[in-house]
Amino acid sequence: MTDPRLAPDRLPVLLWTTGPDGACDYLNVRWTEFTGRQVADMLGWKWGELVHPEDRDRMMGEYTASVAAREPIRLEFRMLHQDGEYRWLLGTGEPIHDAEGRFVGFGGCVTDVTDRRALEQRLAQEGRTAEIAQLAGGIAHDFNNLLTGILGHVSLLLDESSLSPEAREDLDQIRRAADRAATLSRHLLAFSRRPPALPRSLNLTQLVSATTSAMRQVLGSAIELSLELDAGLEPVLADASQVEQFLIQLAAHGRKSMPRGGRLQLRTGRVEVDASRSAEQPGLRAGSYGTLEVTHTGPGMDVSAIEGAARQSGGHVDVRTAPNGEIALTLFLPRLTAPAEMAKMTHEGSETILLVEDDLQVREVGRRALERAGYTVIATGDAETAIAAADRHPGHIHLLITDVVLPRANGRELAARLAIHRPAIKVLYVSGTSYGVIARHRMLEPGIEFLEKPFELDALLRKVRQILGVDLSAEDATPWARSLV
């Protein structure tokens, strides 16, 4: 068994944790590879001297303010690389609490975004909006592959019984930071070309948490944003981009309508609607719902857009004015499954899967997850190698999992060629690219099985079981069961 303590050093990001005072007490070896300095020489506040002089005061001010307020951290700044050049970095972090709920520090990751910044600036100066949009889609594609690998490795490590509670908590913080980065990636994809609304399984609590940093920037310091989020809330059916857009519009409305300050509260939870309550509220059907409750001290806002999104998912929006004059809005979204923590998966696969993915990290983490679940996996990096491997395989291949975009031949072409000699093979397409590419390859047509990157391993395994005909309603969640991305 691989020593799990070595895994953070293999992840392609700079990881860090701090104590309650914000001084770094852990950096992985990627920091040494980046700066050329030993980790021990950068602990505490010593890493700050490597930040570009023009960015140092702003960056340290924002950092110390987030530490003092114990709020999520998101910073962009330049840091000296060991080659003597400054690189642009994007750092994100989350507060860490112990089992008793006490604040014990922060944990997060830092990613090199130099190429993104340089290309964005060049294209913006030239006014080539279409090329900027194409760039955003390309960055999101690469970013989604990176996030899929990070989330996959974290899930594999969290399944290690030898992990200490402290290591498990650190990994969970890394996963949360990656989830926040996934939200940024969705924004990039929406910029490259806005996709049509597509309701799917969504972790509502996770999405609200990931969007609050952007909401606070829009709200400003005069308005208090408070959260009561249900960490165990089951997935709901909704379009993530529409819910995110509603939250940002809510923040913009709050800043405009409460110039002298006010309060905005967000709460996620669950509710069972029976026939009698459904009769009292037209449009709200009986059933199980996840809810987002919004309370604010300002005037009401136009909610027609979110009402349309809710109806598309089979949900409902209820707006009321409380006796004290506060506006109370509740968004009802259909709840999909039972809590993952209450279940235990018993099914193990025995089928053979051909996995075709040109990104090595995504391919390897997918292979490991599928093999742990009992499947026989043939893993390749391109269509030609996949065809050759399938020709050599003497037995049945039950499922092809392929990226949509591959070198030389795309996933649809690969599936068509395999079907000539293996007509019974089933296909699952995956992609983290823009909606334009997905639509061009007809991934949204009826009958097409598709999984969007970044995804967690539980989402992949559940999708595989579904395609292979396993009755998920009779099964419980995998040991890696987290939220579905």
Foldseek 3Di string as FASTA:
>chain_A
DDDLVCVVLVQPWWKFKDFLQAWTPDIHCVVCQWAVDDPVCPTGPNQLVQWDPVCSVVQVVQSNVCSVVQHKDWDWTWGQGNVRDTFIKIWIKHFFADPVRHTTTIITTIDTCRVVVVVLVVCVVVVPLLVNLVSLLVVLQVLLLSLLLLQLSLLVSLLDPPDDPVRVRNSVRHNLNSLLVNVVSVVSLCSSPNDDWDWDWDDVLSLVSSLVVVLPVLQDDQEAEEEAEDQQAFTFTFRSVLVSVVSNVVSNCNCVFCVNYWYKYKYKDKDFADPVNCVVDPLADGAIWIKIKIKIQGDDDDCVSVQVRLVVQSWGKDWDADPVRIIIIMTTTHGDDDGQVVFEFDAADQAEEEEEAQDVSSQVSLCVLNVVSRYHYHYYHALVVSVVVVVPDPDAHAEYEYEQDGPPDGPVVSVVVVCVVHVNHYYEYEGSGHPVSCVVSPCPDPPHHYDYGPWHSQLVVVSVCVRSPHDCVVGHGYPSDHGTD
